[in-house]
Amino acid sequence: MSAHRFVIPLVLVALSACTNPLEAGHSHGAADNAHEAQHSASIAITRWTDTHELFVELDAPVAGHSFSYHAHVTRLADNAPATSGSLTFRFVGMTGQPVSHVDDAVARAGIFAAEAMAPAEGVYSFVLVYEDGDERSEWDAGTVTIGDHHPVAHAEEDEGEIAFLKETQWQIPFATAPAQSMPLTPTIETAAIAKAAPASTTVVAAPSDGLLVWADGLPVVGRRVVRGEPLAAIVPASMADSWSRLQADVSTARVDRELAERELARVEALSERDLLPARRLDEARAGVERARTETRAARRRVATLTSSGAGAIPITAPANGIIVSVGGEHGSEISAGSPLVSVATSAALLLEGHVHSRTASELGTVSTVAVHRGDWPAPRVLVNPNVLTDQLVFDPHTLSAPISVLVDDGAGLLVGDLVSLSLGIGEPTQRLVVPRSAVVETNGTDVVFVQKTGESFTRRRVVLGQADPTHVEVLSGLQPGERVVTEGGFDVHVAALSGSLESHRH
């Protein structure tokens, strides 16, 4: 087998653990040379199903003799090594029954490593099957030629120049996916803010001139209210002086109460040490009670003045919903018709942003709308969005064009959320694409890392085209079906910069 060069101190821990080829599936240095001398030919195979990856290395089989192997099985959904299950080697000849070998247990996490008996001389279709409960993957590994007295050399896999062991891949967030042709719609992206949709918002206005007196539970933006819940009262302007005096009485009573309570605490501490007579403690307690009574009385006088019986006009929540805006300060003078509280009564939202790209001049047909909030793992495609902006009109002062999208169900957003908005423009067309996460920018160059075998990769410069929220078009540098690293690409990049070690192959 040809040797490739390692480039990673990052994997030294994994390499140091691989000392027994039957247990760990890797060997190095003098041990590797001795192994090569004994087995002059070996086979390496990398295959994928929708759910699992197989990377297997085995000695080229000789009829009637055993051959050693080590096979790495990875679950693609979470990049986890197989920790249980069985792996079946099946040799299917032109005639006769298939010859199978079943390995019932992993030698260590992710690796099946043992020996199997080769069938009779001939050419066989080679199939491997992994099973673990409901999990099952079957890989067509091509053809294998069984030698009579000597191992037969097989075509080698096309390896990449960057080696990255499975043991390292399993320890980090890592994933791969094939470059594929799929419908892609060019997008316009902009930052946006979620606001309550106008049609779903109810506004309470001041019914007359007067003083605005908020209830104890101040109507804070974002608080949920129930229809009829008291929010405020409008005190007639003719009673403004009385309300001001009563507010002053409340403040004075509160200060007196706080002073009395502090005095009581001081007297109690001295009484415990027998430094004051009991009469002094009784007087302090009576002072606190008087102050508390006066505070309650002052508050009742304010409540009476702000009640409907005294001529004040109550302001209540107009509907069940969320408060999205509040107007006027406590005790301020307001005019009839002034907005007091706005309540959003449905989940409908208006997403408003500004487009800064001057290459986009119109919104002829918006085919898709996606939104992404910072704490979401991926963008969400909106259902039945209504793009209110028909034409992008750029303001020469802000060098941007406003854009608005009405969303009926809110898509899990809240009023005030800052989001990234992606608008797909025009009809989708088939393009060769990879996930956006597959592209790594190095020194101003866009690259992807193509997986050549289970443990080798190659750096590929790509030219990118159109993009949508999740995928980007590749104009050159990739062929359909080539498998690229979609998570962990930067780790492979670091590995490529970190030096070299000899290949671990059999």
Protein backbone atom coordinates (compact mmCIF):
# COMPACT_ATOMS: atom_id res chain seq x y z
CA MET A 1 0.00 0.00 0.00
CA SER A 2 1.14 3.55 -0.58
CA ALA A 3 1.77 5.73 2.43
CA HIS A 4 0.37 9.15 3.10
CA ARG A 5 1.71 11.71 5.52
CA PHE A 6 0.05 12.69 8.82
CA VAL A 7 -0.18 16.32 9.66
CA ILE A 8 -1.49 16.37 13.19
CA PRO A 9 -0.02 16.54 16.68
CA LEU A 10 -3.73 16.84 17.50
CA VAL A 11 -4.09 13.07 17.04
CA LEU A 12 -1.03 11.98 19.02
CA VAL A 13 -3.22 10.88 21.91
CA ALA A 14 -5.24 8.67 19.61
CA LEU A 15 -2.08 7.29 18.02
CA SER A 16 -0.48 6.44 21.35
CA ALA A 17 -3.50 4.33 22.24
CA CYS A 18 -3.19 2.20 19.08
CA THR A 19 -0.58 -0.44 19.94
CA ASN A 20 -2.31 -3.73 19.16
CA PRO A 21 -3.52 -4.08 15.55
CA LEU A 22 -6.14 -6.63 16.53
CA GLU A 23 -7.39 -4.56 19.45
CA ALA A 24 -7.10 -1.02 18.16
CA GLY A 25 -6.84 -1.40 14.42
CA HIS A 26 -3.67 0.73 14.00
CA SER A 27 0.09 0.13 14.27
CA HIS A 28 3.10 2.27 13.59
CA GLY A 29 6.85 2.25 13.16
CA ALA A 30 8.76 -1.04 13.42
CA ALA A 31 5.64 -3.03 14.27
CA ASP A 32 3.96 -1.72 11.15
CA ASN A 33 6.98 -2.66 9.01
CA ALA A 34 6.95 -6.20 10.39
CA HIS A 35 3.26 -6.47 9.66
CA GLU A 36 3.82 -5.26 6.08
CA ALA A 37 6.48 -7.87 5.59
CA GLN A 38 4.11 -10.63 6.64
CA HIS A 39 1.19 -9.40 4.56
CA SER A 40 2.38 -7.91 1.29
CA ALA A 41 -1.12 -6.88 0.21
CA SER A 42 -4.00 -5.30 2.06
CA ILE A 43 -7.41 -3.86 1.26
CA ALA A 44 -8.92 -0.59 2.51
CA ILE A 45 -12.57 0.24 1.91
CA THR A 46 -14.67 3.29 2.84
CA ARG A 47 -18.42 3.21 2.30
CA TRP A 48 -21.51 5.07 3.52
CA THR A 49 -25.19 4.42 3.95
CA ASP A 50 -27.71 7.06 4.98
CA THR A 51 -27.09 6.19 8.61
CA HIS A 52 -23.57 4.76 9.01
CA GLU A 53 -20.02 5.04 7.72
CA LEU A 54 -17.74 2.02 7.34
CA PHE A 55 -13.95 2.26 7.12
CA VAL A 56 -12.40 -1.21 7.05
CA GLU A 57 -8.83 -2.41 6.51
CA LEU A 58 -8.00 -6.08 6.07
CA ASP A 59 -5.18 -8.30 4.86
CA ALA A 60 -5.74 -9.56 1.32
CA PRO A 61 -7.26 -13.01 1.96
CA VAL A 62 -5.56 -16.28 1.00
CA ALA A 63 -7.70 -19.40 0.53
CA GLY A 64 -7.77 -21.59 3.62
CA HIS A 65 -5.93 -19.06 5.76
CA SER A 66 -7.15 -16.54 8.29
CA PHE A 67 -6.87 -12.82 7.65
CA SER A 68 -6.90 -10.01 10.19
CA TYR A 69 -9.07 -6.93 9.91
CA HIS A 70 -10.12 -3.84 11.74
CA ALA A 71 -13.34 -2.03 10.83
CA HIS A 72 -14.49 1.39 12.04
CA VAL A 73 -18.27 1.87 12.22
CA THR A 74 -19.62 5.39 12.81
CA ARG A 75 -23.22 6.48 13.30
CA LEU A 76 -23.65 9.53 11.07
CA ALA A 77 -26.51 11.17 12.99
CA ASP A 78 -24.27 12.07 15.96
CA ASN A 79 -20.77 11.05 14.80
CA ALA A 80 -20.74 8.37 17.49
CA PRO A 81 -18.66 5.18 17.29
CA ALA A 82 -20.52 1.88 17.41
CA THR A 83 -20.28 0.53 20.95
CA SER A 84 -22.30 -2.64 20.43
CA GLY A 85 -23.82 -4.78 17.70
CA SER A 86 -22.33 -7.17 15.18
CA LEU A 87 -20.46 -6.89 11.89
CA THR A 88 -20.87 -9.58 9.21
CA PHE A 89 -18.34 -10.20 6.41
CA ARG A 90 -20.08 -11.93 3.50
CA PHE A 91 -18.29 -13.33 0.45
CA VAL A 92 -20.74 -14.05 -2.37
CA GLY A 93 -19.30 -16.20 -5.19
CA MET A 94 -20.64 -16.99 -8.62
CA THR A 95 -21.87 -20.38 -7.41
CA GLY A 96 -22.58 -21.96 -4.05
CA GLN A 97 -23.71 -20.47 -0.79
CA PRO A 98 -22.23 -17.21 0.51
CA VAL A 99 -19.46 -17.58 3.05
CA SER A 100 -19.93 -15.39 6.11
CA HIS A 101 -18.00 -14.41 9.19
CA VAL A 102 -19.81 -12.69 12.07
CA ASP A 103 -18.02 -10.54 14.63
CA ASP A 104 -20.40 -10.28 17.57
CA ALA A 105 -18.66 -7.58 19.62
CA VAL A 106 -16.55 -4.48 19.20
CA ALA A 107 -12.92 -4.74 20.28
CA ARG A 108 -13.17 -1.15 21.49
CA ALA A 109 -15.56 1.72 20.86
CA GLY A 110 -16.17 2.02 17.15
CA ILE A 111 -13.81 -0.77 16.06
CA PHE A 112 -14.37 -4.42 15.20
CA ALA A 113 -10.93 -6.14 15.13
CA ALA A 114 -10.22 -9.87 14.94
CA GLU A 115 -9.43 -12.59 12.38
CA ALA A 116 -11.64 -14.44 9.89
CA MET A 117 -11.16 -17.51 7.71
CA ALA A 118 -10.95 -16.85 3.97
CA PRO A 119 -13.15 -18.87 1.61
CA ALA A 120 -11.86 -20.89 -1.33
CA GLU A 121 -9.87 -19.32 -4.16
CA GLY A 122 -11.95 -17.12 -6.48
CA VAL A 123 -13.54 -13.76 -7.09
CA TYR A 124 -16.29 -12.74 -4.67
CA SER A 125 -18.71 -9.92 -4.19
CA PHE A 126 -17.84 -8.50 -0.80
CA VAL A 127 -20.70 -7.29 1.43
CA LEU A 128 -20.50 -6.04 5.02
CA VAL A 129 -23.52 -5.72 7.31
CA TYR A 130 -23.73 -3.93 10.66
CA GLU A 131 -26.66 -4.70 12.98
CA ASP A 132 -27.48 -3.41 16.44
CA GLY A 133 -31.11 -3.74 17.51
CA ASP A 134 -33.17 -1.67 15.09
CA GLU A 135 -30.03 -0.22 13.47
CA ARG A 136 -28.88 -1.89 10.27
CA SER A 137 -26.55 -0.86 7.47
CA GLU A 138 -25.36 -2.90 4.51
CA TRP A 139 -22.39 -1.86 2.37
CA ASP A 140 -21.48 -3.19 -1.07
CA ALA A 141 -17.67 -3.25 -0.90
CA GLY A 142 -17.12 -4.32 -4.52
CA THR A 143 -15.19 -7.45 -5.45
CA VAL A 144 -12.42 -9.27 -3.59
CA THR A 145 -10.09 -11.80 -5.16
CA ILE A 146 -9.06 -14.71 -2.91
CA GLY A 147 -5.54 -15.92 -3.73
CA ASP A 148 -4.60 -19.61 -3.82
CA HIS A 149 -1.22 -19.54 -2.08
CA HIS A 150 -0.39 -15.83 -2.04
CA PRO A 151 -2.39 -12.68 -1.32
CA VAL A 152 -3.64 -10.85 -4.40
CA ALA A 153 -3.04 -7.11 -4.65
CA HIS A 154 -6.18 -4.99 -4.96
CA ALA A 155 -6.74 -1.48 -6.26
CA GLU A 156 -5.95 1.08 -3.63
CA GLU A 157 -8.29 3.79 -2.45
CA ASP A 158 -7.50 7.31 -3.60
CA GLU A 159 -6.22 8.86 -0.38
CA GLY A 160 -6.11 12.49 0.63
CA GLU A 161 -3.02 14.32 1.82
CA ILE A 162 -4.43 15.08 5.29
CA ALA A 163 -4.81 12.20 7.76
CA PHE A 164 -7.34 12.52 10.55
CA LEU A 165 -7.96 9.38 12.60
CA LYS A 166 -11.44 8.15 13.47
CA GLU A 167 -10.44 8.22 17.14
CA THR A 168 -9.97 11.98 16.79
CA GLN A 169 -13.12 12.48 14.71
CA TRP A 170 -15.19 10.74 17.38
CA GLN A 171 -13.96 13.14 20.07
CA ILE A 172 -15.10 16.38 18.39
CA PRO A 173 -18.24 17.71 16.68
CA PHE A 174 -17.74 16.21 13.23
CA ALA A 175 -19.94 15.43 10.23
CA THR A 176 -19.73 14.90 6.48
CA ALA A 177 -22.22 15.07 3.61
CA PRO A 178 -22.06 14.63 -0.17
CA ALA A 179 -22.07 17.56 -2.57
CA GLN A 180 -25.37 17.27 -4.40
CA SER A 181 -27.61 18.95 -6.90
CA MET A 182 -30.70 20.49 -5.35
CA PRO A 183 -33.07 23.43 -5.95
CA LEU A 184 -31.55 26.67 -4.72
CA THR A 185 -33.08 30.12 -4.59
CA PRO A 186 -30.83 33.21 -4.42
CA THR A 187 -31.47 35.17 -1.23
CA ILE A 188 -31.36 38.68 0.14
CA GLU A 189 -30.30 38.83 3.78
CA THR A 190 -30.84 41.58 6.29
CA ALA A 191 -31.12 42.17 10.00
CA ALA A 192 -34.68 42.75 11.21
CA ILE A 193 -36.64 43.40 14.39
CA ALA A 194 -39.89 41.70 15.37
CA LYS A 195 -42.75 44.08 16.10
CA ALA A 196 -46.40 43.51 16.92
CA ALA A 197 -48.46 43.38 13.74
CA PRO A 198 -50.63 46.53 13.51
CA ALA A 199 -53.83 44.62 12.78
CA SER A 200 -53.35 42.48 15.90
CA THR A 201 -52.67 45.38 18.26
CA THR A 202 -55.28 47.13 20.39
CA VAL A 203 -54.45 50.63 21.65
CA VAL A 204 -56.01 52.22 24.73
CA ALA A 205 -56.15 56.02 24.51
CA ALA A 206 -56.86 58.59 27.24
CA PRO A 207 -60.60 59.34 27.25
CA SER A 208 -60.10 62.86 28.67
CA ASP A 209 -57.56 65.35 29.96
CA GLY A 210 -56.17 64.71 33.43
CA LEU A 211 -53.45 63.06 35.46
CA LEU A 212 -52.26 59.56 34.53
CA VAL A 213 -52.07 57.35 37.61
CA TRP A 214 -50.72 53.85 36.95
CA ALA A 215 -51.92 50.92 39.03
CA ASP A 216 -49.52 49.20 41.45
CA GLY A 217 -48.66 46.57 38.86
CA LEU A 218 -47.10 48.92 36.33
CA PRO A 219 -47.90 47.95 32.71
CA VAL A 220 -44.37 46.91 31.70
CA VAL A 221 -43.69 46.07 28.05
CA GLY A 222 -43.72 42.30 27.63
CA ARG A 223 -46.12 41.62 30.53
CA ARG A 224 -49.14 39.48 29.81
CA VAL A 225 -52.52 41.02 30.71
CA VAL A 226 -56.08 39.76 30.92
CA ARG A 227 -59.07 41.59 29.51
CA GLY A 228 -60.53 43.95 32.16
CA GLU A 229 -57.39 43.97 34.32
CA PRO A 230 -56.94 47.43 35.95
CA LEU A 231 -53.99 49.26 34.46
CA ALA A 232 -54.40 52.92 35.36
CA ALA A 233 -56.83 55.75 36.15
CA ILE A 234 -57.28 59.25 34.76
CA VAL A 235 -57.74 61.77 37.58
CA PRO A 236 -59.67 64.85 36.43
CA ALA A 237 -57.51 67.94 36.03
CA SER A 238 -59.66 69.76 38.63
CA MET A 239 -58.46 67.28 41.25
CA ALA A 240 -54.79 67.49 40.35
CA ASP A 241 -53.86 69.55 43.43
CA SER A 242 -55.60 67.13 45.77
CA TRP A 243 -53.84 64.14 44.19
CA SER A 244 -50.46 65.85 44.51
CA ARG A 245 -51.05 66.55 48.21
CA LEU A 246 -52.14 62.98 48.83
CA GLN A 247 -49.06 61.65 47.04
CA ALA A 248 -46.94 63.84 49.31
CA ASP A 249 -48.80 62.45 52.35
CA VAL A 250 -48.05 58.91 51.19
CA SER A 251 -44.34 59.70 50.77
CA THR A 252 -44.18 61.37 54.20
CA ALA A 253 -45.96 58.46 55.87
CA ARG A 254 -43.60 55.98 54.25
CA VAL A 255 -40.53 57.89 55.46
CA ASP A 256 -41.96 58.12 59.01
CA ARG A 257 -42.65 54.39 59.00
CA GLU A 258 -39.10 53.56 57.90
CA LEU A 259 -37.64 55.80 60.63
CA ALA A 260 -39.88 54.22 63.26
CA GLU A 261 -38.89 50.72 62.18
CA ARG A 262 -35.18 51.56 62.38
CA GLU A 263 -35.69 53.08 65.85
CA LEU A 264 -37.52 49.94 66.97
CA ALA A 265 -34.62 47.76 65.78
CA ARG A 266 -32.15 49.93 67.74
CA VAL A 267 -34.24 49.85 70.92
CA GLU A 268 -34.73 46.07 70.70
CA ALA A 269 -30.97 45.53 70.46
CA LEU A 270 -30.36 47.68 73.55
CA SER A 271 -33.23 46.07 75.50
CA GLU A 272 -31.76 42.60 74.93
CA ARG A 273 -28.66 43.82 76.76
CA ASP A 274 -30.82 45.36 79.57
CA LEU A 275 -29.62 48.86 78.66
CA LEU A 276 -33.12 50.36 78.33
CA PRO A 277 -36.28 49.98 80.37
CA ALA A 278 -39.20 47.92 79.00
CA ARG A 279 -41.29 51.09 78.72
CA ARG A 280 -38.92 52.42 76.05
CA LEU A 281 -39.39 49.26 73.97
CA ASP A 282 -43.20 49.58 74.21
CA GLU A 283 -43.03 53.19 73.04
CA ALA A 284 -40.92 52.22 70.01
CA ARG A 285 -43.34 49.46 69.04
CA ALA A 286 -46.29 51.86 69.36
CA GLY A 287 -44.47 54.37 67.15
CA VAL A 288 -44.06 51.78 64.41
CA GLU A 289 -47.72 50.82 64.58
CA ARG A 290 -48.81 54.49 64.33
CA ALA A 291 -46.54 55.03 61.30
CA ARG A 292 -47.87 51.92 59.56
CA THR A 293 -51.46 52.97 60.23
CA GLU A 294 -50.83 56.42 58.77
CA THR A 295 -49.21 54.88 55.67
CA ARG A 296 -52.24 52.66 55.08
CA ALA A 297 -54.59 55.60 55.59
CA ALA A 298 -52.66 57.79 53.12
CA ARG A 299 -52.81 55.05 50.51
CA ARG A 300 -56.55 54.60 51.05
CA ARG A 301 -57.08 58.33 50.47
CA VAL A 302 -55.16 58.09 47.18
CA ALA A 303 -57.17 55.01 46.18
CA THR A 304 -60.41 56.84 46.96
CA LEU A 305 -59.37 59.82 44.85
CA THR A 306 -58.48 57.57 41.89
CA SER A 307 -61.71 55.55 42.11
CA SER A 308 -64.60 56.02 39.74
CA GLY A 309 -66.70 57.21 42.70
CA ALA A 310 -64.49 60.28 43.01
CA GLY A 311 -64.70 61.03 39.31
CA ALA A 312 -61.54 59.24 38.13
CA ILE A 313 -61.78 57.23 34.91
CA PRO A 314 -60.46 53.64 35.17
CA ILE A 315 -58.23 52.29 32.40
CA THR A 316 -58.29 48.51 31.93
CA ALA A 317 -56.70 46.01 29.58
CA PRO A 318 -58.73 45.92 26.35
CA ALA A 319 -58.07 42.23 25.64
CA ASN A 320 -55.99 39.22 26.56
CA GLY A 321 -52.47 39.67 25.21
CA ILE A 322 -49.00 41.10 25.66
CA ILE A 323 -48.24 44.77 26.38
CA VAL A 324 -46.05 46.04 23.53
CA SER A 325 -45.90 49.75 24.31
CA VAL A 326 -46.65 52.11 27.20
CA GLY A 327 -47.20 55.87 26.99
CA GLY A 328 -47.04 58.49 29.77
CA GLU A 329 -45.35 58.58 33.16
CA HIS A 330 -46.98 58.08 36.54
CA GLY A 331 -48.54 61.38 37.67
CA SER A 332 -47.98 63.16 34.36
CA GLU A 333 -50.57 65.36 32.67
CA ILE A 334 -52.05 63.87 29.51
CA SER A 335 -54.46 65.03 26.84
CA ALA A 336 -57.55 63.27 25.59
CA GLY A 337 -56.63 60.82 22.82
CA SER A 338 -53.05 60.21 24.00
CA PRO A 339 -52.06 56.54 23.60
CA LEU A 340 -51.64 54.85 26.97
CA VAL A 341 -51.16 51.12 26.39
CA SER A 342 -50.87 48.92 23.28
CA VAL A 343 -51.71 45.23 23.65
CA ALA A 344 -50.84 42.59 21.04
CA THR A 345 -53.77 40.21 20.94
CA SER A 346 -52.35 37.54 18.59
CA ALA A 347 -49.03 35.93 17.64
CA ALA A 348 -48.85 37.83 14.36
CA LEU A 349 -45.64 39.82 13.97
CA LEU A 350 -44.21 42.39 11.61
CA LEU A 351 -40.54 41.83 10.76
CA GLU A 352 -38.94 45.10 9.72
CA GLY A 353 -35.41 45.50 8.37
CA HIS A 354 -33.25 47.40 5.90
CA VAL A 355 -31.51 45.91 2.87
CA HIS A 356 -28.04 47.37 2.27
CA SER A 357 -27.04 45.38 -0.83
CA ARG A 358 -27.32 47.66 -3.86
CA THR A 359 -27.13 44.62 -6.16
CA ALA A 360 -30.72 43.89 -5.14
CA SER A 361 -33.09 46.37 -6.70
CA GLU A 362 -36.46 44.66 -6.70
CA LEU A 363 -38.50 41.89 -5.13
CA GLY A 364 -40.26 40.47 -8.14
CA THR A 365 -41.12 37.06 -6.71
CA VAL A 366 -40.30 36.10 -3.14
CA SER A 367 -40.47 32.31 -3.08
CA THR A 368 -39.13 31.62 0.43
CA VAL A 369 -38.71 33.52 3.67
CA ALA A 370 -36.49 32.23 6.48
CA VAL A 371 -35.67 33.77 9.83
CA HIS A 372 -32.85 33.04 12.25
CA ARG A 373 -32.53 34.11 15.88
CA GLY A 374 -29.17 33.93 17.62
CA ASP A 375 -30.15 31.14 20.01
CA TRP A 376 -31.62 28.92 17.26
CA PRO A 377 -29.44 26.12 15.86
CA ALA A 378 -30.65 26.76 12.29
CA PRO A 379 -32.88 29.15 10.33
CA ARG A 380 -36.63 28.46 10.24
CA VAL A 381 -38.57 28.70 7.01
CA LEU A 382 -41.70 30.76 7.63
CA VAL A 383 -45.13 29.42 6.72
CA ASN A 384 -47.42 31.75 4.72
CA PRO A 385 -45.37 34.94 5.17
CA ASN A 386 -46.67 38.12 3.55
CA VAL A 387 -43.93 40.34 2.10
CA LEU A 388 -45.43 43.81 2.27
CA THR A 389 -42.59 45.43 0.32
CA ASP A 390 -43.07 45.15 -3.45
CA GLN A 391 -40.12 47.28 -4.50
CA LEU A 392 -36.82 48.01 -2.80
CA VAL A 393 -36.45 51.78 -2.64
CA PHE A 394 -33.01 52.86 -1.46
CA ASP A 395 -32.68 55.92 0.72
CA PRO A 396 -29.60 57.92 -0.37
CA HIS A 397 -29.06 59.06 3.20
CA THR A 398 -29.07 55.63 4.86
CA LEU A 399 -27.94 53.69 1.76
CA SER A 400 -30.57 51.09 2.55
CA ALA A 401 -34.06 50.05 1.53
CA PRO A 402 -36.76 49.24 4.10
CA ILE A 403 -38.43 45.86 3.94
CA SER A 404 -41.38 44.45 5.91
CA VAL A 405 -42.69 40.90 6.28
CA LEU A 406 -45.95 40.03 8.03
CA VAL A 407 -45.96 36.66 9.81
CA ASP A 408 -49.27 35.26 11.01
CA ASP A 409 -48.03 32.65 13.48
CA GLY A 410 -44.94 34.44 14.80
CA ALA A 411 -42.72 31.36 14.15
CA GLY A 412 -41.76 31.24 17.82
CA LEU A 413 -40.56 34.85 17.85
CA LEU A 414 -41.35 37.49 20.45
CA VAL A 415 -41.88 41.20 20.08
CA GLY A 416 -38.49 42.90 20.24
CA ASP A 417 -36.45 39.93 18.95
CA LEU A 418 -33.49 40.82 16.72
CA VAL A 419 -33.28 38.36 13.84
CA SER A 420 -31.62 37.68 10.51
CA LEU A 421 -34.10 37.63 7.64
CA SER A 422 -33.45 35.73 4.39
CA LEU A 423 -35.69 36.26 1.35
CA GLY A 424 -35.49 33.81 -1.54
CA ILE A 425 -35.92 35.76 -4.78
CA GLY A 426 -37.19 34.14 -7.97
CA GLU A 427 -37.80 30.51 -8.84
CA PRO A 428 -35.42 27.86 -7.51
CA THR A 429 -33.02 26.20 -9.97
CA GLN A 430 -30.95 23.02 -9.71
CA ARG A 431 -27.41 23.78 -8.56
CA LEU A 432 -24.50 21.84 -7.09
CA VAL A 433 -24.49 22.79 -3.40
CA VAL A 434 -22.92 22.02 -0.06
CA PRO A 435 -24.04 23.08 3.42
CA ARG A 436 -22.79 26.54 4.32
CA SER A 437 -20.95 25.08 7.30
CA ALA A 438 -18.74 23.06 4.92
CA VAL A 439 -16.96 26.18 3.66
CA VAL A 440 -13.88 27.30 5.60
CA GLU A 441 -12.25 30.61 4.77
CA THR A 442 -8.45 30.47 4.96
CA ASN A 443 -6.36 33.49 4.05
CA GLY A 444 -9.25 34.96 2.10
CA THR A 445 -9.82 31.75 0.13
CA ASP A 446 -12.93 29.57 0.34
CA VAL A 447 -12.04 25.91 0.77
CA VAL A 448 -13.78 22.67 1.64
CA PHE A 449 -12.26 19.44 2.92
CA VAL A 450 -13.15 16.40 0.83
CA GLN A 451 -13.22 13.03 2.57
CA LYS A 452 -11.30 10.54 0.44
CA THR A 453 -11.23 7.61 2.87
CA GLY A 454 -12.41 7.08 6.40
CA GLU A 455 -9.30 8.76 7.76
CA SER A 456 -7.90 10.90 4.94
CA PHE A 457 -8.99 14.23 3.51
CA THR A 458 -7.93 16.67 0.83
CA ARG A 459 -8.13 20.46 0.82
CA ARG A 460 -10.10 21.76 -2.14
CA ARG A 461 -10.41 25.40 -3.20
CA VAL A 462 -13.93 26.23 -4.36
CA VAL A 463 -15.64 29.07 -6.18
CA LEU A 464 -19.00 29.87 -4.63
CA GLY A 465 -22.17 31.18 -6.25
CA GLN A 466 -25.65 31.82 -4.93
CA ALA A 467 -26.69 30.87 -1.42
CA ASP A 468 -29.76 30.36 0.70
CA PRO A 469 -29.95 30.20 4.51
CA THR A 470 -28.56 26.66 4.70
CA HIS A 471 -26.68 25.85 1.46
CA VAL A 472 -24.30 27.54 -0.95
CA GLU A 473 -23.72 26.88 -4.64
CA VAL A 474 -20.32 25.54 -5.73
CA LEU A 475 -19.40 26.77 -9.20
CA SER A 476 -16.07 24.94 -9.40
CA GLY A 477 -13.81 22.78 -7.27
CA LEU A 478 -16.18 19.91 -6.50
CA GLN A 479 -17.91 17.09 -8.31
CA PRO A 480 -21.38 15.76 -7.44
CA GLY A 481 -21.21 13.00 -4.85
CA GLU A 482 -17.87 14.02 -3.36
CA ARG A 483 -18.19 13.95 0.39
CA VAL A 484 -17.20 17.11 2.29
CA VAL A 485 -16.69 17.87 5.98
CA THR A 486 -19.72 19.87 7.13
CA GLU A 487 -18.77 20.10 10.81
CA GLY A 488 -15.21 20.05 12.07
CA GLY A 489 -13.65 21.51 8.91
CA PHE A 490 -11.53 23.95 10.89
CA ASP A 491 -10.11 21.05 12.93
CA VAL A 492 -9.05 19.36 9.69
CA HIS A 493 -7.53 22.66 8.57
CA VAL A 494 -5.50 22.86 11.80
CA ALA A 495 -4.42 19.25 11.29
CA ALA A 496 -3.15 20.13 7.81
CA LEU A 497 -0.90 22.82 9.33
CA SER A 498 0.50 20.82 12.20
CA GLY A 499 3.28 18.61 10.79
CA SER A 500 3.32 15.02 9.55
CA LEU A 501 3.55 11.38 10.66
CA GLU A 502 3.82 8.23 8.60
CA SER A 503 0.68 6.41 7.52
CA HIS A 504 -0.82 3.88 9.91
CA ARG A 505 -2.01 1.53 7.14
CA HIS A 506 -1.46 -2.22 7.25
